[in-house]
Amino acid sequence: LGVIGLLGSGELLGANVKGLHSIIHLVSGIILVYLG
């Protein structure tokens, strides 16, 4: 979702996911993947 938000149109599921929103997704995802 973070990659889609940064590289895509910026809208996903009716929400703006550009910029900080996408970065939050990326950081959260990386942390969870590391733990998992």
Full PDB file with SEQRES, HELIX, SHEET, SSBOND, CRYST1, ORIGX, SCALE, CONECT and MASTER records, all heavy atoms in Angstrom:
SEQRES   1 A   36  LEU GLY VAL ILE GLY LEU LEU GLY SER GLY GLU LEU LEU          
SEQRES   2 A   36  GLY ALA ASN VAL LYS GLY LEU HIS SER ILE ILE HIS LEU          
SEQRES   3 A   36  VAL SER GLY ILE ILE LEU VAL TYR LEU GLY                      
HELIX    1 AA1 GLY A    2  LEU A    7  1                                   6    
HELIX    2 AA2 LEU A   20  LEU A   35  1                                  16    
SHEET    1 AA1 2 GLU A  11  LEU A  12  0                                        
SHEET    2 AA1 2 ALA A  15  ASN A  16 -1                                        
CRYST1    1.000    1.000    1.000  90.00  90.00  90.00 P 1           1          
ORIGX1      1.000000  0.000000  0.000000        0.00000                         
ORIGX2      0.000000  1.000000  0.000000        0.00000                         
ORIGX3      0.000000  0.000000  1.000000        0.00000                         
SCALE1      1.000000  0.000000  0.000000        0.00000                         
SCALE2      0.000000  1.000000  0.000000        0.00000                         
SCALE3      0.000000  0.000000  1.000000        0.00000                         
ATOM      1  N   LEU A   1       0.828  -1.206   0.000  1.00  0.00           N  
ATOM      2  CA  LEU A   1       0.000   0.000   0.000  1.00  0.00           C  
ATOM      3  C   LEU A   1       0.866   1.260   0.000  1.00  0.00           C  
ATOM      4  O   LEU A   1       0.551   2.246  -0.675  1.00  0.00           O  
ATOM      5  CB  LEU A   1      -0.936   0.021   1.211  1.00  0.00           C  
ATOM      6  CG  LEU A   1      -2.049  -1.010   1.214  1.00  0.00           C  
ATOM      7  CD1 LEU A   1      -2.836  -0.945   2.517  1.00  0.00           C  
ATOM      8  CD2 LEU A   1      -2.970  -0.822   0.021  1.00  0.00           C  
ATOM      9  N   GLY A   2       1.954   1.217   0.748  1.00  0.00           N  
ATOM     10  CA  GLY A   2       2.863   2.361   0.776  1.00  0.00           C  
ATOM     11  C   GLY A   2       3.482   2.634  -0.581  1.00  0.00           C  
ATOM     12  O   GLY A   2       3.554   3.785  -1.022  1.00  0.00           O  
ATOM     13  N   VAL A   3       3.913   1.573  -1.248  1.00  0.00           N  
ATOM     14  CA  VAL A   3       4.507   1.725  -2.580  1.00  0.00           C  
ATOM     15  C   VAL A   3       3.456   2.222  -3.575  1.00  0.00           C  
ATOM     16  O   VAL A   3       3.721   3.138  -4.363  1.00  0.00           O  
ATOM     17  CB  VAL A   3       5.141   0.395  -3.055  1.00  0.00           C  
ATOM     18  CG1 VAL A   3       5.539   0.469  -4.515  1.00  0.00           C  
ATOM     19  CG2 VAL A   3       6.345   0.044  -2.176  1.00  0.00           C  
ATOM     20  N   ILE A   4       2.268   1.654  -3.525  1.00  0.00           N  
ATOM     21  CA  ILE A   4       1.191   2.106  -4.418  1.00  0.00           C  
ATOM     22  C   ILE A   4       0.891   3.580  -4.175  1.00  0.00           C  
ATOM     23  O   ILE A   4       0.707   4.355  -5.113  1.00  0.00           O  
ATOM     24  CB  ILE A   4      -0.082   1.247  -4.232  1.00  0.00           C  
ATOM     25  CG1 ILE A   4       0.149  -0.147  -4.800  1.00  0.00           C  
ATOM     26  CG2 ILE A   4      -1.295   1.907  -4.893  1.00  0.00           C  
ATOM     27  CD1 ILE A   4      -0.964  -1.137  -4.481  1.00  0.00           C  
ATOM     28  N   GLY A   5       0.845   3.966  -2.911  1.00  0.00           N  
ATOM     29  CA  GLY A   5       0.566   5.358  -2.579  1.00  0.00           C  
ATOM     30  C   GLY A   5       1.633   6.312  -3.084  1.00  0.00           C  
ATOM     31  O   GLY A   5       1.330   7.402  -3.573  1.00  0.00           O  
ATOM     32  N   LEU A   6       2.889   5.904  -2.968  1.00  0.00           N  
ATOM     33  CA  LEU A   6       3.969   6.782  -3.404  1.00  0.00           C  
ATOM     34  C   LEU A   6       4.106   6.837  -4.922  1.00  0.00           C  
ATOM     35  O   LEU A   6       4.418   7.876  -5.485  1.00  0.00           O  
ATOM     36  CB  LEU A   6       5.298   6.329  -2.789  1.00  0.00           C  
ATOM     37  CG  LEU A   6       5.449   6.590  -1.290  1.00  0.00           C  
ATOM     38  CD1 LEU A   6       6.725   5.956  -0.762  1.00  0.00           C  
ATOM     39  CD2 LEU A   6       5.417   8.082  -0.997  1.00  0.00           C  
ATOM     40  N   LEU A   7       3.866   5.700  -5.590  1.00  0.00           N  
ATOM     41  CA  LEU A   7       4.069   5.641  -7.033  1.00  0.00           C  
ATOM     42  C   LEU A   7       2.791   5.834  -7.839  1.00  0.00           C  
ATOM     43  O   LEU A   7       2.852   6.156  -9.022  1.00  0.00           O  
ATOM     44  CB  LEU A   7       4.702   4.300  -7.418  1.00  0.00           C  
ATOM     45  CG  LEU A   7       6.069   4.001  -6.789  1.00  0.00           C  
ATOM     46  CD1 LEU A   7       6.551   2.629  -7.241  1.00  0.00           C  
ATOM     47  CD2 LEU A   7       7.072   5.078  -7.122  1.00  0.00           C  
ATOM     48  N   GLY A   8       1.641   5.617  -7.195  1.00  0.00           N  
ATOM     49  CA  GLY A   8       0.376   5.683  -7.908  1.00  0.00           C  
ATOM     50  C   GLY A   8      -0.230   7.070  -7.909  1.00  0.00           C  
ATOM     51  O   GLY A   8       0.442   8.078  -7.689  1.00  0.00           O  
ATOM     52  N   SER A   9      -1.527   7.100  -8.099  1.00  0.00           N  
ATOM     53  CA  SER A   9      -2.250   8.363  -8.215  1.00  0.00           C  
ATOM     54  C   SER A   9      -2.395   9.077  -6.875  1.00  0.00           C  
ATOM     55  O   SER A   9      -2.713  10.258  -6.827  1.00  0.00           O  
ATOM     56  CB  SER A   9      -3.649   8.106  -8.783  1.00  0.00           C  
ATOM     57  OG  SER A   9      -4.435   7.392  -7.835  1.00  0.00           O  
ATOM     58  N   GLY A  10      -2.188   8.346  -5.789  1.00  0.00           N  
ATOM     59  CA  GLY A  10      -2.317   8.953  -4.470  1.00  0.00           C  
ATOM     60  C   GLY A  10      -3.662   8.711  -3.826  1.00  0.00           C  
ATOM     61  O   GLY A  10      -3.899   9.133  -2.697  1.00  0.00           O  
ATOM     62  N   GLU A  11      -4.564   8.032  -4.525  1.00  0.00           N  
ATOM     63  CA  GLU A  11      -5.862   7.738  -3.933  1.00  0.00           C  
ATOM     64  C   GLU A  11      -6.061   6.232  -3.885  1.00  0.00           C  
ATOM     65  O   GLU A  11      -5.802   5.520  -4.853  1.00  0.00           O  
ATOM     66  CB  GLU A  11      -6.998   8.374  -4.717  1.00  0.00           C  
ATOM     67  CG  GLU A  11      -8.323   8.173  -4.016  1.00  0.00           C  
ATOM     68  CD  GLU A  11      -9.422   9.064  -4.565  1.00  0.00           C  
ATOM     69  OE1 GLU A  11      -9.173  10.241  -4.816  1.00  0.00           O  
ATOM     70  OE2 GLU A  11     -10.534   8.537  -4.744  1.00  0.00           O  
ATOM     71  N   LEU A  12      -6.490   5.755  -2.713  1.00  0.00           N  
ATOM     72  CA  LEU A  12      -6.707   4.331  -2.519  1.00  0.00           C  
ATOM     73  C   LEU A  12      -7.872   4.158  -1.560  1.00  0.00           C  
ATOM     74  O   LEU A  12      -7.894   4.755  -0.486  1.00  0.00           O  
ATOM     75  CB  LEU A  12      -5.441   3.682  -1.957  1.00  0.00           C  
ATOM     76  CG  LEU A  12      -5.429   2.173  -1.836  1.00  0.00           C  
ATOM     77  CD1 LEU A  12      -5.513   1.515  -3.216  1.00  0.00           C  
ATOM     78  CD2 LEU A  12      -4.153   1.716  -1.150  1.00  0.00           C  
ATOM     79  N   LEU A  13      -8.851   3.377  -1.943  1.00  0.00           N  
ATOM     80  CA  LEU A  13     -10.055   3.147  -1.138  1.00  0.00           C  
ATOM     81  C   LEU A  13     -10.737   4.461  -0.769  1.00  0.00           C  
ATOM     82  O   LEU A  13     -11.277   4.620   0.318  1.00  0.00           O  
ATOM     83  CB  LEU A  13      -9.724   2.356   0.139  1.00  0.00           C  
ATOM     84  CG  LEU A  13      -9.123   0.970  -0.045  1.00  0.00           C  
ATOM     85  CD1 LEU A  13      -8.761   0.376   1.309  1.00  0.00           C  
ATOM     86  CD2 LEU A  13     -10.077   0.055  -0.795  1.00  0.00           C  
ATOM     87  N   GLY A  14     -10.679   5.425  -1.657  1.00  0.00           N  
ATOM     88  CA  GLY A  14     -11.337   6.703  -1.434  1.00  0.00           C  
ATOM     89  C   GLY A  14     -10.600   7.651  -0.511  1.00  0.00           C  
ATOM     90  O   GLY A  14     -11.156   8.642  -0.057  1.00  0.00           O  
ATOM     91  N   ALA A  15      -9.341   7.371  -0.197  1.00  0.00           N  
ATOM     92  CA  ALA A  15      -8.563   8.232   0.695  1.00  0.00           C  
ATOM     93  C   ALA A  15      -7.276   8.672   0.009  1.00  0.00           C  
ATOM     94  O   ALA A  15      -6.732   7.960  -0.832  1.00  0.00           O  
ATOM     95  CB  ALA A  15      -8.237   7.499   1.986  1.00  0.00           C  
ATOM     96  N   ASN A  16      -6.797   9.836   0.400  1.00  0.00           N  
ATOM     97  CA  ASN A  16      -5.531  10.333  -0.121  1.00  0.00           C  
ATOM     98  C   ASN A  16      -4.403   9.647   0.635  1.00  0.00           C  
ATOM     99  O   ASN A  16      -4.284   9.791   1.839  1.00  0.00           O  
ATOM    100  CB  ASN A  16      -5.456  11.852   0.073  1.00  0.00           C  
ATOM    101  CG  ASN A  16      -4.146  12.420  -0.408  1.00  0.00           C  
ATOM    102  OD1 ASN A  16      -3.341  11.746  -1.050  1.00  0.00           O  
ATOM    103  ND2 ASN A  16      -3.915  13.674  -0.096  1.00  0.00           N  
ATOM    104  N   VAL A  17      -3.586   8.889  -0.068  1.00  0.00           N  
ATOM    105  CA  VAL A  17      -2.496   8.151   0.580  1.00  0.00           C  
ATOM    106  C   VAL A  17      -1.139   8.593   0.050  1.00  0.00           C  
ATOM    107  O   VAL A  17      -0.173   7.854   0.112  1.00  0.00           O  
ATOM    108  CB  VAL A  17      -2.668   6.620   0.421  1.00  0.00           C  
ATOM    109  CG1 VAL A  17      -3.870   6.138   1.188  1.00  0.00           C  
ATOM    110  CG2 VAL A  17      -2.754   6.213  -1.041  1.00  0.00           C  
ATOM    111  N   LYS A  18      -1.059   9.802  -0.447  1.00  0.00           N  
ATOM    112  CA  LYS A  18       0.217  10.340  -0.928  1.00  0.00           C  
ATOM    113  C   LYS A  18       1.062  10.795   0.251  1.00  0.00           C  
ATOM    114  O   LYS A  18       0.570  11.043   1.332  1.00  0.00           O  
ATOM    115  CB  LYS A  18      -0.024  11.550  -1.820  1.00  0.00           C  
ATOM    116  CG  LYS A  18      -0.068  11.302  -3.302  1.00  0.00           C  
ATOM    117  CD  LYS A  18       1.169  10.693  -3.834  1.00  0.00           C  
ATOM    118  CE  LYS A  18       1.365  10.913  -5.295  1.00  0.00           C  
ATOM    119  NZ  LYS A  18       2.200   9.921  -5.898  1.00  0.00           N  
ATOM    120  N   GLY A  19       2.347  10.906   0.047  1.00  0.00           N  
ATOM    121  CA  GLY A  19       3.249  11.518   1.007  1.00  0.00           C  
ATOM    122  C   GLY A  19       3.362  10.801   2.340  1.00  0.00           C  
ATOM    123  O   GLY A  19       3.681   9.610   2.391  1.00  0.00           O  
ATOM    124  N   LEU A  20       3.092  11.541   3.406  1.00  0.00           N  
ATOM    125  CA  LEU A  20       3.280  11.038   4.754  1.00  0.00           C  
ATOM    126  C   LEU A  20       2.466   9.773   5.018  1.00  0.00           C  
ATOM    127  O   LEU A  20       2.945   8.839   5.662  1.00  0.00           O  
ATOM    128  CB  LEU A  20       2.919  12.114   5.781  1.00  0.00           C  
ATOM    129  CG  LEU A  20       3.098  11.727   7.236  1.00  0.00           C  
ATOM    130  CD1 LEU A  20       4.553  11.378   7.530  1.00  0.00           C  
ATOM    131  CD2 LEU A  20       2.610  12.839   8.139  1.00  0.00           C  
ATOM    132  N   HIS A  21       1.262   9.712   4.506  1.00  0.00           N  
ATOM    133  CA  HIS A  21       0.398   8.543   4.693  1.00  0.00           C  
ATOM    134  C   HIS A  21       1.086   7.283   4.156  1.00  0.00           C  
ATOM    135  O   HIS A  21       1.111   6.245   4.804  1.00  0.00           O  
ATOM    136  CB  HIS A  21      -0.940   8.780   4.005  1.00  0.00           C  
ATOM    137  CG  HIS A  21      -2.047   7.932   4.508  1.00  0.00           C  
ATOM    138  ND1 HIS A  21      -3.368   8.256   4.313  1.00  0.00           N  
ATOM    139  CD2 HIS A  21      -2.066   6.775   5.202  1.00  0.00           C  
ATOM    140  CE1 HIS A  21      -4.144   7.327   4.858  1.00  0.00           C  
ATOM    141  NE2 HIS A  21      -3.374   6.413   5.394  1.00  0.00           N  
ATOM    142  N   SER A  22       1.658   7.395   2.971  1.00  0.00           N  
ATOM    143  CA  SER A  22       2.351   6.256   2.365  1.00  0.00           C  
ATOM    144  C   SER A  22       3.617   5.901   3.135  1.00  0.00           C  
ATOM    145  O   SER A  22       3.955   4.724   3.281  1.00  0.00           O  
ATOM    146  CB  SER A  22       2.690   6.553   0.913  1.00  0.00           C  
ATOM    147  OG  SER A  22       1.505   6.635   0.156  1.00  0.00           O  
ATOM    148  N   ILE A  23       4.315   6.898   3.611  1.00  0.00           N  
ATOM    149  CA  ILE A  23       5.524   6.644   4.384  1.00  0.00           C  
ATOM    150  C   ILE A  23       5.178   5.921   5.691  1.00  0.00           C  
ATOM    151  O   ILE A  23       5.884   4.990   6.102  1.00  0.00           O  
ATOM    152  CB  ILE A  23       6.288   7.955   4.640  1.00  0.00           C  
ATOM    153  CG1 ILE A  23       6.847   8.464   3.308  1.00  0.00           C  
ATOM    154  CG2 ILE A  23       7.404   7.769   5.661  1.00  0.00           C  
ATOM    155  CD1 ILE A  23       7.384   9.877   3.343  1.00  0.00           C  
ATOM    156  N   ILE A  24       4.076   6.314   6.325  1.00  0.00           N  
ATOM    157  CA  ILE A  24       3.618   5.620   7.539  1.00  0.00           C  
ATOM    158  C   ILE A  24       3.312   4.161   7.229  1.00  0.00           C  
ATOM    159  O   ILE A  24       3.677   3.264   7.986  1.00  0.00           O  
ATOM    160  CB  ILE A  24       2.402   6.332   8.161  1.00  0.00           C  
ATOM    161  CG1 ILE A  24       2.837   7.690   8.736  1.00  0.00           C  
ATOM    162  CG2 ILE A  24       1.743   5.468   9.232  1.00  0.00           C  
ATOM    163  CD1 ILE A  24       1.696   8.583   9.152  1.00  0.00           C  
ATOM    164  N   HIS A  25       2.659   3.917   6.091  1.00  0.00           N  
ATOM    165  CA  HIS A  25       2.387   2.529   5.691  1.00  0.00           C  
ATOM    166  C   HIS A  25       3.679   1.756   5.485  1.00  0.00           C  
ATOM    167  O   HIS A  25       3.811   0.611   5.932  1.00  0.00           O  
ATOM    168  CB  HIS A  25       1.557   2.486   4.413  1.00  0.00           C  
ATOM    169  CG  HIS A  25       0.112   2.759   4.626  1.00  0.00           C  
ATOM    170  ND1 HIS A  25      -0.708   3.157   3.605  1.00  0.00           N  
ATOM    171  CD2 HIS A  25      -0.673   2.682   5.727  1.00  0.00           C  
ATOM    172  CE1 HIS A  25      -1.931   3.320   4.061  1.00  0.00           C  
ATOM    173  NE2 HIS A  25      -1.931   3.039   5.348  1.00  0.00           N  
ATOM    174  N   LEU A  26       4.633   2.360   4.802  1.00  0.00           N  
ATOM    175  CA  LEU A  26       5.909   1.679   4.546  1.00  0.00           C  
ATOM    176  C   LEU A  26       6.649   1.353   5.842  1.00  0.00           C  
ATOM    177  O   LEU A  26       7.104   0.224   6.030  1.00  0.00           O  
ATOM    178  CB  LEU A  26       6.804   2.540   3.657  1.00  0.00           C  
ATOM    179  CG  LEU A  26       6.507   2.518   2.169  1.00  0.00           C  
ATOM    180  CD1 LEU A  26       7.354   3.556   1.439  1.00  0.00           C  
ATOM    181  CD2 LEU A  26       6.743   1.141   1.585  1.00  0.00           C  
ATOM    182  N   VAL A  27       6.769   2.319   6.723  1.00  0.00           N  
ATOM    183  CA  VAL A  27       7.491   2.098   7.983  1.00  0.00           C  
ATOM    184  C   VAL A  27       6.779   1.046   8.834  1.00  0.00           C  
ATOM    185  O   VAL A  27       7.411   0.123   9.371  1.00  0.00           O  
ATOM    186  CB  VAL A  27       7.673   3.422   8.756  1.00  0.00           C  
ATOM    187  CG1 VAL A  27       8.225   3.179  10.161  1.00  0.00           C  
ATOM    188  CG2 VAL A  27       8.579   4.365   7.987  1.00  0.00           C  
ATOM    189  N   SER A  28       5.452   1.157   8.947  1.00  0.00           N  
ATOM    190  CA  SER A  28       4.682   0.164   9.705  1.00  0.00           C  
ATOM    191  C   SER A  28       4.861  -1.225   9.109  1.00  0.00           C  
ATOM    192  O   SER A  28       5.055  -2.206   9.830  1.00  0.00           O  
ATOM    193  CB  SER A  28       3.184   0.518   9.689  1.00  0.00           C  
ATOM    194  OG  SER A  28       2.941   1.746  10.288  1.00  0.00           O  
ATOM    195  N   GLY A  29       4.788  -1.306   7.792  1.00  0.00           N  
ATOM    196  CA  GLY A  29       4.942  -2.587   7.116  1.00  0.00           C  
ATOM    197  C   GLY A  29       6.306  -3.197   7.322  1.00  0.00           C  
ATOM    198  O   GLY A  29       6.440  -4.398   7.582  1.00  0.00           O  
ATOM    199  N   ILE A  30       7.337  -2.377   7.226  1.00  0.00           N  
ATOM    200  CA  ILE A  30       8.701  -2.878   7.420  1.00  0.00           C  
ATOM    201  C   ILE A  30       8.880  -3.413   8.835  1.00  0.00           C  
ATOM    202  O   ILE A  30       9.468  -4.479   9.040  1.00  0.00           O  
ATOM    203  CB  ILE A  30       9.731  -1.776   7.079  1.00  0.00           C  
ATOM    204  CG1 ILE A  30       9.733  -1.526   5.568  1.00  0.00           C  
ATOM    205  CG2 ILE A  30      11.111  -2.141   7.584  1.00  0.00           C  
ATOM    206  CD1 ILE A  30      10.461  -0.265   5.150  1.00  0.00           C  
ATOM    207  N   ILE A  31       8.357  -2.688   9.812  1.00  0.00           N  
ATOM    208  CA  ILE A  31       8.463  -3.148  11.207  1.00  0.00           C  
ATOM    209  C   ILE A  31       7.740  -4.479  11.379  1.00  0.00           C  
ATOM    210  O   ILE A  31       8.286  -5.424  11.969  1.00  0.00           O  
ATOM    211  CB  ILE A  31       7.911  -2.090  12.181  1.00  0.00           C  
ATOM    212  CG1 ILE A  31       8.827  -0.856  12.193  1.00  0.00           C  
ATOM    213  CG2 ILE A  31       7.769  -2.669  13.590  1.00  0.00           C  
ATOM    214  CD1 ILE A  31       8.222   0.350  12.894  1.00  0.00           C  
ATOM    215  N   LEU A  32       6.515  -4.573  10.864  1.00  0.00           N  
ATOM    216  CA  LEU A  32       5.754  -5.817  11.018  1.00  0.00           C  
ATOM    217  C   LEU A  32       6.404  -6.983  10.284  1.00  0.00           C  
ATOM    218  O   LEU A  32       6.459  -8.103  10.800  1.00  0.00           O  
ATOM    219  CB  LEU A  32       4.310  -5.630  10.550  1.00  0.00           C  
ATOM    220  CG  LEU A  32       3.403  -4.887  11.517  1.00  0.00           C  
ATOM    221  CD1 LEU A  32       2.043  -4.616  10.878  1.00  0.00           C  
ATOM    222  CD2 LEU A  32       3.232  -5.655  12.813  1.00  0.00           C  
ATOM    223  N   VAL A  33       6.900  -6.738   9.082  1.00  0.00           N  
ATOM    224  CA  VAL A  33       7.575  -7.800   8.327  1.00  0.00           C  
ATOM    225  C   VAL A  33       8.807  -8.275   9.087  1.00  0.00           C  
ATOM    226  O   VAL A  33       9.060  -9.477   9.195  1.00  0.00           O  
ATOM    227  CB  VAL A  33       7.930  -7.324   6.897  1.00  0.00           C  
ATOM    228  CG1 VAL A  33       8.966  -8.212   6.244  1.00  0.00           C  
ATOM    229  CG2 VAL A  33       6.673  -7.272   6.043  1.00  0.00           C  
ATOM    230  N   TYR A  34       9.574  -7.351   9.617  1.00  0.00           N  
ATOM    231  CA  TYR A  34      10.749  -7.727  10.412  1.00  0.00           C  
ATOM    232  C   TYR A  34      10.340  -8.614  11.588  1.00  0.00           C  
ATOM    233  O   TYR A  34      10.929  -9.681  11.812  1.00  0.00           O  
ATOM    234  CB  TYR A  34      11.490  -6.484  10.912  1.00  0.00           C  
ATOM    235  CG  TYR A  34      12.603  -6.834  11.870  1.00  0.00           C  
ATOM    236  CD1 TYR A  34      13.820  -7.294  11.392  1.00  0.00           C  
ATOM    237  CD2 TYR A  34      12.422  -6.740  13.245  1.00  0.00           C  
ATOM    238  CE1 TYR A  34      14.842  -7.645  12.255  1.00  0.00           C  
ATOM    239  CE2 TYR A  34      13.434  -7.085  14.124  1.00  0.00           C  
ATOM    240  CZ  TYR A  34      14.641  -7.541  13.630  1.00  0.00           C  
ATOM    241  OH  TYR A  34      15.641  -7.902  14.494  1.00  0.00           O  
ATOM    242  N   LEU A  35       9.328  -8.183  12.332  1.00  0.00           N  
ATOM    243  CA  LEU A  35       8.873  -8.979  13.478  1.00  0.00           C  
ATOM    244  C   LEU A  35       8.365 -10.344  13.026  1.00  0.00           C  
ATOM    245  O   LEU A  35       8.688 -11.366  13.626  1.00  0.00           O  
ATOM    246  CB  LEU A  35       7.766  -8.237  14.240  1.00  0.00           C  
ATOM    247  CG  LEU A  35       8.138  -6.916  14.899  1.00  0.00           C  
ATOM    248  CD1 LEU A  35       6.905  -6.266  15.528  1.00  0.00           C  
ATOM    249  CD2 LEU A  35       9.243  -7.103  15.923  1.00  0.00           C  
ATOM    250  N   GLY A  36       7.575 -10.348  11.974  1.00  0.00           N  
ATOM    251  CA  GLY A  36       6.963 -11.589  11.509  1.00  0.00           C  
ATOM    252  C   GLY A  36       7.954 -12.607  10.976  1.00  0.00           C  
ATOM    253  O   GLY A  36       7.824 -13.802  11.239  1.00  0.00           O  
TER     254      GLY A  36                                                      
MASTER        0    0    0    2    2    0    0    6  253    1    0    3          
END                                                                             
